[in-house]
Amino acid sequence: MDRQLRFEDDLVSLLPRLRRFAHALSRSSADADDLTQATVERAIRSRDQWIPGTRLDSWLYRIMRNLWIDTARSRSRKAKFEAAPEEAAKVGADGATEASAELARVMAAMQQLPDEQREVVSLILVEGFGYREAAELLELPIGTISSRLVRGRTALLALIGER
């Protein structure tokens, strides 16, 4: 298979994971969609910078994180925007199942975590990255990753009433 087609196929297969990470960063479905789209656009424009044989998902997560940081900085300079409450936190009156109610509760609690804890919790507990991979992706020492994960997990458990 030609290198370009393989890149595109791999990119498409990672879209659900990218969208989930975008959602964890942005706390908004609309912002997550925009961030995912911007990430894909940048990845396609910069595909020559990706080194075949390395992890495409890590490269894409780094692009997404950098785009999100740029967006957050821009918003804080404007000092006027606050993300809308997340739709996942709403439990419909149509008798949502116990699983979807629990998911909504956890998602609402995730949104209350500080950005740096939410980012690490999302990468390690939701996306399944290892500590070392998350440390490389976020360009942080493993000790910092471990500390943020412990604090994030403890806060998350407290928020959902498990502690």
Foldseek 3Di string as FASTA:
>chain_A
DDPVVVVVVVLVVCLVVQLLLLCLQPVENVSSVVLSVVLVVVCVVVVVVDDPPDDPVLVSLLSSVVVSVVVVVVCVVVPPDDHDHYPQLDDDPPCDDPVSNVRSQLSNQLVPDPNVLSNLCCVCVVVPDDLVSSCVSVVHDSVVSVVSPVVSVVSSCVSSVND
